[in-house]
């Protein structure tokens, strides 16, 4: 957090110096702030919260228009690597952020761990299969008696699921071949399969289960899949680095944290 604030202060200082040397602008409508479009790439599991926060942010920075690209963190990482315009990246796991950092695509002084989530086992309305826990799920998957919706291996929720499989000694390839797994390209796709009862259960984030109104029957421990940390950072080639850092600072504050925590996130920056 200190690094982020220092980065923001430095950018604002440079902006201030440039403004001192520039000719005075003549206000036309009482608002001299230049309209800015900020491009934010964010994990699909942040869709509802960031959309709500964007409405709130208008009163703080009315000149800033936030344009979101929500998808799996793996897909977003690839898009950034391929040169897509992006000012700020919020990932659902450190792995994707680390890869961008290794490639020199992240402004390191801005990176911070923003949120923590939980991985949960959810079921459709009424819990038709009467699942009780991850232990119950593991036994019934092994016996071939249930259909589980999971994320693809290139998305964080799928990677956390793979760790749960390893914890229980389950062979994912064998499970897939036996027809007890169905996949989604991001956590929203997995959640939808459970909502529509296209699967008997699904492994998603606690926040997505909350937003979709799904029943949670169990929560994975850190021993099972590790901590679910959401890092965020300004990208190295951001067109609007000062504005991106300012929005990230806002996401770290109490107003945004209240929205994140209302759906089950834990803020790591308060």
Protein backbone atom coordinates (compact mmCIF):
# COMPACT_ATOMS: atom_id res chain seq x y z
CA UNK A 1 0.00 0.00 0.00
CA UNK A 2 2.85 2.40 0.86
CA UNK A 3 4.49 1.67 -2.49
CA UNK A 4 1.23 2.40 -4.30
CA UNK A 5 0.76 5.72 -2.53
CA UNK A 6 4.37 6.68 -3.22
CA UNK A 7 3.91 5.84 -6.90
CA UNK A 8 0.71 7.88 -7.07
CA UNK A 9 2.34 10.83 -5.28
CA UNK A 10 5.27 10.80 -7.69
CA UNK A 11 2.95 10.79 -10.70
CA UNK A 12 0.84 13.59 -9.30
CA UNK A 13 3.98 15.64 -8.53
CA UNK A 14 5.19 15.24 -12.10
CA UNK A 15 1.75 16.19 -13.38
CA UNK A 16 1.75 19.24 -11.14
CA UNK A 17 5.16 20.38 -12.41
CA UNK A 18 4.02 20.02 -15.99
CA UNK A 19 0.88 21.99 -15.24
CA UNK A 20 2.95 24.89 -13.83
CA UNK A 21 4.79 25.22 -17.14
CA UNK A 22 1.69 24.89 -19.31
CA UNK A 23 -0.46 27.80 -20.53
CA UNK A 24 -3.54 28.50 -18.44
CA UNK A 25 -6.68 26.80 -19.69
CA UNK A 26 -9.89 28.78 -19.95
CA UNK A 27 -12.70 26.97 -18.17
CA UNK A 28 -15.79 26.52 -20.33
CA UNK A 29 -18.22 24.65 -18.10
CA UNK A 30 -16.81 25.01 -14.58
CA UNK A 31 -15.08 21.64 -14.75
CA UNK A 32 -11.49 21.74 -16.05
CA UNK A 33 -10.78 18.03 -15.57
CA UNK A 34 -10.09 16.27 -18.86
CA UNK A 35 -12.44 13.34 -19.59
CA UNK A 36 -10.55 10.07 -19.21
CA UNK A 37 -11.37 6.48 -20.13
CA UNK A 38 -9.73 3.98 -17.81
CA UNK A 39 -9.49 0.39 -19.04
CA UNK A 40 -9.70 -2.16 -16.25
CA UNK A 41 -9.14 -5.89 -16.79
CA UNK A 42 -10.65 -7.86 -13.90
CA UNK A 43 -11.38 -11.46 -12.94
CA UNK A 44 -14.96 -12.50 -13.73
CA UNK A 45 -15.66 -13.02 -10.02
CA UNK A 46 -15.34 -9.25 -9.52
CA UNK A 47 -18.11 -8.37 -11.98
CA UNK A 48 -20.85 -7.43 -9.51
CA UNK A 49 -18.66 -5.64 -6.99
CA UNK A 50 -16.66 -3.55 -9.47
CA UNK A 51 -19.82 -2.59 -11.34
CA UNK A 52 -21.27 -1.29 -8.06
CA UNK A 53 -18.03 0.44 -7.11
CA UNK A 54 -17.89 2.14 -10.52
CA UNK A 55 -21.22 3.84 -9.79
CA UNK A 56 -19.84 5.05 -6.47
CA UNK A 57 -16.58 6.25 -8.04
CA UNK A 58 -18.43 8.69 -10.31
CA UNK A 59 -18.90 11.03 -7.36
CA UNK A 60 -15.14 10.92 -6.66
CA UNK A 61 -13.85 11.27 -10.22
CA UNK A 62 -16.73 12.27 -12.53
CA UNK A 63 -14.29 12.86 -15.38
CA UNK A 64 -13.23 9.19 -15.38
CA UNK A 65 -15.16 6.62 -17.40
CA UNK A 66 -14.35 3.07 -16.32
CA UNK A 67 -14.38 0.46 -19.08
CA UNK A 68 -14.24 -3.08 -17.72
CA UNK A 69 -13.13 -6.29 -19.38
CA UNK A 70 -14.28 -9.21 -17.18
CA UNK A 71 -13.04 -12.72 -17.93
CA UNK A 72 -10.90 -15.47 -16.48
CA UNK A 73 -7.57 -14.19 -15.16
CA UNK A 74 -5.75 -16.52 -17.56
CA UNK A 75 -7.54 -15.07 -20.59
CA UNK A 76 -6.91 -11.52 -19.40
CA UNK A 77 -3.22 -12.27 -18.84
CA UNK A 78 -2.91 -13.54 -22.39
CA UNK A 79 -4.65 -10.47 -23.78
CA UNK A 80 -2.26 -8.17 -21.91
CA UNK A 81 0.73 -10.18 -23.16
CA UNK A 82 -0.59 -9.81 -26.70
CA UNK A 83 -0.67 -6.02 -26.37
CA UNK A 84 -4.29 -5.28 -25.47
CA UNK A 85 -4.89 -1.81 -24.02
CA UNK A 86 -5.16 -2.14 -20.25
CA UNK A 87 -4.46 0.34 -17.47
CA UNK A 88 -5.23 -1.75 -14.39
CA UNK A 89 -5.30 -5.53 -13.86
CA UNK A 90 -7.08 -7.36 -11.04
CA UNK A 91 -6.39 -11.10 -10.96
CA UNK A 92 -8.12 -13.86 -9.01
CA UNK A 93 -4.75 -15.45 -8.21
CA UNK A 94 -1.08 -14.44 -7.95
CA UNK A 95 -0.02 -16.86 -10.71
CA UNK A 96 -1.26 -14.72 -13.59
CA UNK A 97 0.05 -11.50 -12.03
CA UNK A 98 3.44 -13.12 -11.44
CA UNK A 99 3.65 -14.15 -15.09
CA UNK A 100 2.98 -10.58 -16.22
CA UNK A 101 5.48 -9.27 -13.69
CA UNK A 102 8.13 -11.66 -15.00
CA UNK A 103 7.46 -10.31 -18.48
CA UNK A 104 7.91 -6.69 -17.40
CA UNK A 105 4.26 -5.87 -17.97
CA UNK A 106 3.40 -4.70 -14.44
CA UNK A 107 4.33 -1.43 -12.71
CA UNK A 108 5.86 -3.15 -9.70
CA UNK A 109 5.57 -0.24 -7.26
CA UNK A 110 1.79 -0.34 -7.64
CA UNK A 111 1.20 -4.04 -6.99
CA UNK A 112 -0.72 -5.03 -3.88
CA UNK A 113 -2.74 -7.92 -2.51
CA UNK A 114 -6.22 -6.42 -2.57
CA UNK A 115 -8.66 -9.14 -1.49
CA UNK A 116 -9.06 -12.66 -0.21
CA UNK A 117 -11.84 -15.00 -1.31
CA UNK A 118 -12.85 -18.57 -0.40
CA UNK A 119 -13.41 -21.65 -2.55
CA UNK A 120 -16.71 -23.36 -1.81
CA UNK A 121 -18.83 -26.33 -2.82
CA UNK A 122 -22.24 -25.19 -4.05
CA UNK A 123 -25.42 -27.02 -5.06
CA UNK A 124 -28.59 -26.20 -7.03
CA UNK A 125 -31.76 -25.15 -5.28
CA UNK A 126 -32.97 -27.88 -2.95
CA UNK A 127 -29.66 -29.81 -3.09
CA UNK A 128 -31.20 -32.75 -5.04
CA UNK A 129 -28.20 -35.02 -4.48
CA UNK A 130 -28.08 -34.15 -0.76
CA UNK A 131 -24.36 -33.39 -0.80
CA UNK A 132 -23.00 -32.58 2.65
CA UNK A 133 -19.30 -31.71 2.27
CA UNK A 134 -16.11 -31.93 0.23
CA UNK A 135 -15.46 -35.30 1.91
CA UNK A 136 -18.84 -36.51 0.65
CA UNK A 137 -18.11 -35.13 -2.83
CA UNK A 138 -14.73 -36.90 -3.04
CA UNK A 139 -16.27 -40.25 -2.14
CA UNK A 140 -19.11 -39.90 -4.61
CA UNK A 141 -16.86 -38.70 -7.43
CA UNK A 142 -14.66 -41.72 -6.88
CA UNK A 143 -17.73 -43.92 -7.10
CA UNK A 144 -18.95 -42.16 -10.24
CA UNK A 145 -22.31 -41.10 -8.89
CA UNK A 146 -22.38 -37.32 -9.30
CA UNK A 147 -21.72 -34.57 -11.88
CA UNK A 148 -19.41 -31.77 -10.74
CA UNK A 149 -18.93 -28.42 -12.55
CA UNK A 150 -15.38 -27.03 -12.34
CA UNK A 151 -13.25 -24.37 -13.99
CA UNK A 152 -10.82 -25.09 -16.81
CA UNK A 153 -7.21 -25.70 -15.83
CA UNK A 154 -6.10 -22.30 -17.19
CA UNK A 155 -8.36 -20.29 -14.85
CA UNK A 156 -7.73 -19.72 -11.13
CA UNK A 157 -10.91 -21.39 -9.84
CA UNK A 158 -9.98 -24.47 -11.87
CA UNK A 159 -6.44 -24.41 -10.47
CA UNK A 160 -7.74 -24.21 -6.90
CA UNK A 161 -10.03 -27.15 -7.73
CA UNK A 162 -7.06 -29.17 -8.96
CA UNK A 163 -5.41 -28.65 -5.58
CA UNK A 164 -8.56 -29.98 -3.89
CA UNK A 165 -8.43 -33.04 -6.13
CA UNK A 166 -4.79 -33.56 -5.16
CA UNK A 167 -5.69 -33.17 -1.47
CA UNK A 168 -8.18 -36.04 -1.80
CA UNK A 169 -5.94 -38.14 -4.05
CA UNK A 170 -8.32 -37.87 -7.00
CA UNK A 171 -7.09 -38.21 -10.58
CA UNK A 172 -8.71 -35.40 -12.60
CA UNK A 173 -8.00 -37.04 -15.96
CA UNK A 174 -9.65 -40.26 -14.82
CA UNK A 175 -12.63 -38.36 -13.45
CA UNK A 176 -13.02 -36.44 -16.73
CA UNK A 177 -12.85 -39.67 -18.74
CA UNK A 178 -15.51 -41.25 -16.54
CA UNK A 179 -17.87 -38.37 -17.29
CA UNK A 180 -18.33 -36.95 -13.79
CA UNK A 181 -16.81 -33.53 -14.58
CA UNK A 182 -18.15 -30.66 -16.66
CA UNK A 183 -16.05 -27.56 -17.32
CA UNK A 184 -16.49 -23.80 -17.55
CA UNK A 185 -14.21 -21.19 -19.13
CA UNK A 186 -14.50 -18.92 -16.08
CA UNK A 187 -16.14 -18.99 -12.67
CA UNK A 188 -19.36 -17.42 -14.00
CA UNK A 189 -19.82 -20.28 -16.44
CA UNK A 190 -19.35 -22.81 -13.63
CA UNK A 191 -21.81 -20.91 -11.43
CA UNK A 192 -24.41 -20.83 -14.22
CA UNK A 193 -24.25 -24.61 -14.62
CA UNK A 194 -25.10 -25.01 -10.94
CA UNK A 195 -27.84 -22.36 -10.99
CA UNK A 196 -29.48 -24.10 -13.95
CA UNK A 197 -28.99 -27.56 -12.32
CA UNK A 198 -27.03 -28.68 -15.38
CA UNK A 199 -24.60 -30.11 -12.81
CA UNK A 200 -25.25 -31.64 -9.40
CA UNK A 201 -22.75 -29.31 -7.75
CA UNK A 202 -19.93 -26.93 -8.51
CA UNK A 203 -16.70 -25.57 -7.06
CA UNK A 204 -16.74 -21.77 -7.22
CA UNK A 205 -15.79 -18.75 -5.12
CA UNK A 206 -17.86 -17.85 -2.07
CA UNK A 207 -18.61 -14.44 -3.58
CA UNK A 208 -20.04 -15.93 -6.79
CA UNK A 209 -22.19 -18.34 -4.81
CA UNK A 210 -23.48 -15.38 -2.81
CA UNK A 211 -24.20 -13.24 -5.88
CA UNK A 212 -26.02 -16.13 -7.60
CA UNK A 213 -28.02 -17.06 -4.48
CA UNK A 214 -26.56 -20.57 -4.39
CA UNK A 215 -26.46 -22.82 -1.34
CA UNK A 216 -22.96 -23.44 0.02
CA UNK A 217 -22.50 -26.83 1.64
CA UNK A 218 -18.80 -26.62 2.47
CA UNK A 219 -15.79 -24.29 2.36
CA UNK A 220 -12.31 -25.41 1.34
CA UNK A 221 -9.57 -24.83 3.89
CA UNK A 222 -6.17 -23.30 3.15
CA UNK A 223 -4.72 -26.80 3.62
CA UNK A 224 -6.90 -28.04 0.77
CA UNK A 225 -6.22 -25.36 -1.85
CA UNK A 226 -4.15 -22.54 -0.34
CA UNK A 227 -5.25 -18.95 0.17
CA UNK A 228 -7.32 -17.31 -2.55
CA UNK A 229 -5.57 -13.96 -2.95
CA UNK A 230 -6.54 -11.30 -5.51
CA UNK A 231 -3.55 -9.09 -6.47
CA UNK A 232 -3.98 -5.85 -8.40
CA UNK A 233 -1.55 -3.58 -10.22
CA UNK A 234 -1.21 -0.83 -12.79
CA UNK A 235 0.18 -2.19 -16.04
CA UNK A 236 3.60 -1.11 -17.25
CA UNK A 237 2.20 0.35 -20.47
CA UNK A 238 -0.89 2.02 -19.00
CA UNK A 239 -2.06 5.01 -21.02
CA UNK A 240 -3.34 6.64 -17.82
CA UNK A 241 -1.05 5.46 -15.00
CA UNK A 242 -1.91 8.26 -12.55
CA UNK A 243 -5.66 7.72 -12.95
CA UNK A 244 -5.21 3.93 -12.72
CA UNK A 245 -3.21 4.30 -9.51
CA UNK A 246 -5.86 6.65 -8.12
CA UNK A 247 -8.63 4.14 -8.82
CA UNK A 248 -6.57 1.34 -7.28
CA UNK A 249 -6.07 3.49 -4.20
CA UNK A 250 -9.85 3.96 -4.04
CA UNK A 251 -10.36 0.20 -4.30
CA UNK A 252 -8.11 -0.12 -1.24
CA UNK A 253 -10.18 2.32 0.83
CA UNK A 254 -13.09 1.91 3.19
CA UNK A 255 -15.93 2.72 0.77
CA UNK A 256 -14.91 0.13 -1.83
CA UNK A 257 -13.95 -2.38 0.89
CA UNK A 258 -17.49 -2.20 2.27
CA UNK A 259 -18.87 -3.30 -1.11
CA UNK A 260 -16.31 -6.09 -1.48
CA UNK A 261 -17.01 -7.38 2.01
CA UNK A 262 -20.79 -7.26 1.52
CA UNK A 263 -20.54 -10.24 -0.85
CA UNK A 264 -17.96 -12.21 1.11
CA UNK A 265 -14.54 -10.86 0.14
CA UNK A 266 -12.03 -10.01 2.85
CA UNK A 267 -10.26 -6.71 2.26
CA UNK A 268 -6.49 -6.99 2.78
CA UNK A 269 -5.75 -3.27 2.63
CA UNK A 270 -7.80 -1.63 5.37
